[in-house]
N, C-alpha and C. Protein backbone atom coordinates (compact mmCIF):
# COMPACT_ATOMS: atom_id res chain seq x y z
N MET A 1 104.90 -35.32 51.59
CA MET A 1 103.74 -34.45 51.48
C MET A 1 102.51 -35.28 51.13
N LYS A 2 101.43 -35.06 51.85
CA LYS A 2 100.19 -35.81 51.65
C LYS A 2 99.36 -35.18 50.54
N ASN A 3 98.84 -36.03 49.66
CA ASN A 3 97.97 -35.56 48.58
C ASN A 3 96.53 -35.52 49.06
N PHE A 4 95.81 -34.49 48.69
CA PHE A 4 94.40 -34.36 49.08
C PHE A 4 93.50 -34.31 47.85
N ASP A 5 93.85 -35.10 46.85
CA ASP A 5 93.07 -35.12 45.61
C ASP A 5 92.00 -36.20 45.60
N GLY A 6 91.91 -36.99 46.67
CA GLY A 6 90.90 -38.04 46.75
C GLY A 6 91.30 -39.34 46.08
N LEU A 7 92.48 -39.37 45.48
CA LEU A 7 92.94 -40.58 44.79
C LEU A 7 93.75 -41.46 45.73
N ARG A 8 93.72 -42.74 45.45
CA ARG A 8 94.60 -43.68 46.14
C ARG A 8 95.93 -43.70 45.40
N GLU A 9 96.94 -44.20 46.05
CA GLU A 9 98.26 -44.29 45.40
C GLU A 9 98.19 -45.14 44.14
N CYS A 10 97.42 -46.22 44.18
CA CYS A 10 97.30 -47.08 42.99
C CYS A 10 96.66 -46.32 41.83
N SER A 11 95.71 -45.45 42.14
CA SER A 11 95.06 -44.64 41.09
C SER A 11 96.07 -43.69 40.46
N ARG A 12 96.88 -43.07 41.31
CA ARG A 12 97.91 -42.15 40.79
C ARG A 12 98.90 -42.88 39.90
N GLN A 13 99.25 -44.10 40.29
CA GLN A 13 100.19 -44.89 39.50
C GLN A 13 99.60 -45.25 38.14
N CYS A 14 98.33 -45.62 38.13
CA CYS A 14 97.67 -45.95 36.85
C CYS A 14 97.67 -44.74 35.93
N MET A 15 97.38 -43.57 36.48
CA MET A 15 97.37 -42.35 35.66
C MET A 15 98.77 -42.01 35.17
N LYS A 16 99.74 -42.15 36.06
CA LYS A 16 101.13 -41.83 35.71
C LYS A 16 101.64 -42.75 34.60
N LYS A 17 101.36 -44.04 34.74
CA LYS A 17 101.83 -45.03 33.76
C LYS A 17 100.90 -45.15 32.55
N LYS A 18 99.74 -44.48 32.63
CA LYS A 18 98.73 -44.56 31.57
C LYS A 18 98.35 -46.01 31.28
N LYS A 19 98.13 -46.76 32.36
CA LYS A 19 97.75 -48.17 32.25
C LYS A 19 96.47 -48.41 33.03
N GLN A 20 95.63 -49.28 32.49
CA GLN A 20 94.37 -49.62 33.14
C GLN A 20 94.62 -50.48 34.37
N CYS A 21 93.78 -50.27 35.37
CA CYS A 21 93.85 -51.07 36.59
C CYS A 21 93.39 -52.49 36.28
N LYS A 22 94.09 -53.44 36.83
CA LYS A 22 93.74 -54.86 36.63
C LYS A 22 93.12 -55.47 37.89
N GLU A 23 93.01 -54.69 38.97
CA GLU A 23 92.50 -55.19 40.25
C GLU A 23 90.98 -55.26 40.25
N THR A 24 90.44 -56.26 39.58
CA THR A 24 88.98 -56.37 39.46
C THR A 24 88.30 -56.67 40.80
N SER A 25 89.04 -57.09 41.80
CA SER A 25 88.46 -57.35 43.11
C SER A 25 88.29 -56.06 43.94
N CYS A 26 88.88 -54.97 43.49
CA CYS A 26 88.76 -53.68 44.19
C CYS A 26 87.32 -53.18 44.07
N ARG A 27 86.75 -52.69 45.15
CA ARG A 27 85.37 -52.22 45.10
C ARG A 27 85.22 -50.95 44.26
N LEU A 28 86.31 -50.30 43.93
CA LEU A 28 86.27 -49.08 43.12
C LEU A 28 86.56 -49.35 41.64
N TRP A 29 86.81 -50.60 41.30
CA TRP A 29 87.09 -50.97 39.91
C TRP A 29 85.81 -50.88 39.09
N GLN A 30 85.93 -50.38 37.87
CA GLN A 30 84.80 -50.35 36.94
C GLN A 30 85.33 -50.73 35.56
N ASP A 31 84.51 -51.36 34.79
CA ASP A 31 84.91 -51.76 33.44
C ASP A 31 84.74 -50.57 32.51
N TYR A 32 85.65 -49.61 32.63
CA TYR A 32 85.62 -48.39 31.82
C TYR A 32 87.06 -47.98 31.53
N PRO A 33 87.67 -48.60 30.52
CA PRO A 33 89.09 -48.39 30.23
C PRO A 33 89.48 -46.94 29.95
N ASP A 34 88.54 -46.12 29.46
CA ASP A 34 88.88 -44.72 29.17
C ASP A 34 89.37 -43.98 30.40
N GLU A 35 88.97 -44.44 31.57
CA GLU A 35 89.40 -43.80 32.82
C GLU A 35 90.12 -44.82 33.71
N TYR A 36 90.92 -45.64 33.06
CA TYR A 36 91.80 -46.61 33.72
C TYR A 36 91.05 -47.59 34.63
N ASN A 37 89.77 -47.82 34.38
CA ASN A 37 88.95 -48.76 35.15
C ASN A 37 88.82 -48.39 36.62
N CYS A 38 88.90 -47.12 36.93
CA CYS A 38 88.88 -46.69 38.34
C CYS A 38 87.81 -45.62 38.57
N THR A 39 86.91 -45.90 39.50
CA THR A 39 85.87 -44.94 39.85
C THR A 39 86.47 -43.64 40.37
N LEU A 40 87.52 -43.74 41.17
CA LEU A 40 88.14 -42.53 41.72
C LEU A 40 88.69 -41.63 40.62
N ILE A 41 89.27 -42.23 39.60
CA ILE A 41 89.80 -41.44 38.49
C ILE A 41 88.65 -40.78 37.73
N SER A 42 87.55 -41.49 37.54
CA SER A 42 86.38 -40.91 36.87
C SER A 42 85.91 -39.66 37.59
N VAL A 43 85.77 -39.75 38.90
CA VAL A 43 85.31 -38.61 39.70
C VAL A 43 86.37 -37.50 39.70
N HIS A 44 87.63 -37.88 39.79
CA HIS A 44 88.72 -36.90 39.79
C HIS A 44 88.74 -36.12 38.47
N GLU A 45 88.53 -36.81 37.37
CA GLU A 45 88.58 -36.18 36.05
C GLU A 45 87.34 -35.36 35.72
N HIS A 46 86.17 -35.78 36.20
CA HIS A 46 84.91 -35.16 35.78
C HIS A 46 84.13 -34.46 36.88
N GLY A 47 84.47 -34.70 38.14
CA GLY A 47 83.67 -34.13 39.23
C GLY A 47 82.32 -34.82 39.29
N PRO A 48 81.32 -34.14 39.81
CA PRO A 48 79.98 -34.74 39.88
C PRO A 48 79.50 -35.12 38.47
N MET A 49 78.90 -36.30 38.38
CA MET A 49 78.44 -36.79 37.08
C MET A 49 76.92 -36.94 37.07
N THR A 50 76.37 -36.90 35.89
CA THR A 50 74.93 -37.12 35.73
C THR A 50 74.64 -38.61 35.87
N LEU A 51 73.37 -38.92 36.07
CA LEU A 51 72.99 -40.33 36.14
C LEU A 51 73.26 -41.04 34.82
N ARG A 52 73.14 -40.34 33.73
CA ARG A 52 73.45 -40.95 32.42
C ARG A 52 74.93 -41.30 32.31
N GLN A 53 75.80 -40.43 32.81
CA GLN A 53 77.24 -40.72 32.79
C GLN A 53 77.55 -41.93 33.66
N VAL A 54 76.92 -42.01 34.82
CA VAL A 54 77.12 -43.16 35.71
C VAL A 54 76.62 -44.43 35.03
N ALA A 55 75.46 -44.36 34.40
CA ALA A 55 74.90 -45.52 33.70
C ALA A 55 75.84 -46.02 32.62
N GLU A 56 76.43 -45.10 31.88
CA GLU A 56 77.37 -45.48 30.82
C GLU A 56 78.57 -46.22 31.40
N ARG A 57 79.10 -45.73 32.49
CA ARG A 57 80.28 -46.34 33.09
C ARG A 57 79.98 -47.69 33.73
N GLU A 58 78.79 -47.82 34.29
CA GLU A 58 78.41 -49.07 34.96
C GLU A 58 77.73 -50.07 34.02
N LYS A 59 77.54 -49.64 32.77
CA LYS A 59 76.88 -50.49 31.77
C LYS A 59 75.49 -50.95 32.24
N LEU A 60 74.77 -49.98 32.80
CA LEU A 60 73.39 -50.19 33.23
C LEU A 60 72.52 -49.13 32.57
N SER A 61 71.23 -49.34 32.58
CA SER A 61 70.34 -48.35 31.99
C SER A 61 70.20 -47.15 32.92
N PHE A 62 69.83 -46.03 32.32
CA PHE A 62 69.56 -44.83 33.11
C PHE A 62 68.48 -45.12 34.15
N ALA A 63 67.43 -45.86 33.73
CA ALA A 63 66.32 -46.17 34.64
C ALA A 63 66.80 -46.95 35.86
N ARG A 64 67.70 -47.91 35.64
CA ARG A 64 68.20 -48.71 36.77
C ARG A 64 69.03 -47.85 37.71
N ILE A 65 69.86 -46.97 37.17
CA ILE A 65 70.66 -46.09 38.02
C ILE A 65 69.74 -45.17 38.82
N LYS A 66 68.66 -44.69 38.20
CA LYS A 66 67.69 -43.84 38.89
C LYS A 66 67.04 -44.61 40.03
N GLN A 67 66.70 -45.89 39.80
CA GLN A 67 66.13 -46.72 40.87
C GLN A 67 67.09 -46.86 42.04
N ILE A 68 68.36 -47.08 41.74
CA ILE A 68 69.38 -47.21 42.78
C ILE A 68 69.51 -45.90 43.56
N GLU A 69 69.52 -44.78 42.84
CA GLU A 69 69.60 -43.48 43.50
C GLU A 69 68.41 -43.25 44.43
N THR A 70 67.22 -43.54 43.94
CA THR A 70 66.00 -43.34 44.73
C THR A 70 66.03 -44.18 46.00
N LYS A 71 66.44 -45.42 45.87
CA LYS A 71 66.52 -46.31 47.03
C LYS A 71 67.56 -45.82 48.03
N ALA A 72 68.71 -45.37 47.54
CA ALA A 72 69.76 -44.86 48.42
C ALA A 72 69.30 -43.60 49.16
N LEU A 73 68.64 -42.70 48.44
CA LEU A 73 68.14 -41.47 49.09
C LEU A 73 67.08 -41.79 50.14
N LYS A 74 66.25 -42.78 49.86
CA LYS A 74 65.23 -43.19 50.84
C LYS A 74 65.89 -43.73 52.11
N LYS A 75 66.94 -44.53 51.94
CA LYS A 75 67.66 -45.06 53.10
C LYS A 75 68.31 -43.93 53.90
N LEU A 76 68.90 -42.97 53.21
CA LEU A 76 69.52 -41.84 53.90
C LEU A 76 68.47 -41.03 54.66
N LYS A 77 67.31 -40.85 54.04
CA LYS A 77 66.24 -40.11 54.70
C LYS A 77 65.78 -40.84 55.96
N ASN A 78 65.64 -42.15 55.86
CA ASN A 78 65.22 -42.95 57.01
C ASN A 78 66.23 -42.90 58.15
N LEU A 79 67.49 -42.70 57.82
CA LEU A 79 68.54 -42.60 58.84
C LEU A 79 68.77 -41.16 59.28
N ASN A 80 67.91 -40.26 58.79
CA ASN A 80 68.03 -38.82 59.08
C ASN A 80 69.37 -38.25 58.64
N LEU A 81 69.92 -38.78 57.56
CA LEU A 81 71.18 -38.27 57.02
C LEU A 81 70.97 -37.40 55.79
N ILE A 82 69.76 -37.37 55.29
CA ILE A 82 69.50 -36.64 54.05
C ILE A 82 69.73 -35.14 54.21
N SER A 83 69.59 -34.61 55.40
CA SER A 83 69.78 -33.18 55.61
C SER A 83 71.24 -32.76 55.41
N CYS A 84 72.15 -33.73 55.36
CA CYS A 84 73.56 -33.44 55.14
C CYS A 84 73.82 -33.02 53.69
N PHE A 85 72.89 -33.34 52.79
CA PHE A 85 73.08 -33.07 51.38
C PHE A 85 72.21 -31.93 50.94
N ARG A 86 72.72 -31.17 50.00
CA ARG A 86 71.94 -30.07 49.44
C ARG A 86 71.56 -30.42 48.01
N PHE A 87 70.31 -30.22 47.67
CA PHE A 87 69.82 -30.53 46.31
C PHE A 87 69.35 -29.28 45.64
C-alpha cells in the first residue's frame, strides 16, 4: 500500500525509530533535532509554517527569510506561476 503523507521512507524510519537523520547531504536535511533534522517531518508535523518558524529552523533571521520569500515570489510572478497560489 502506497503512503500519501508526503514523507519519504527514510523520514518514516526516523520517526519510527525516534532517531535524528544523519544524512547531511540530503537537500531536505535541516539542523533541527526536535523534528529529526528533516524538513518533511517539520511540514508533516506542523503543516504550513510562519516565516518566524522557518527562520528558527534554518537558524536565519526573520528578515532574511522574508527576503528569500520576496525573491522567490518575484521569480514565480515573472514565470507567470504566481496565479497558481492563493494568498
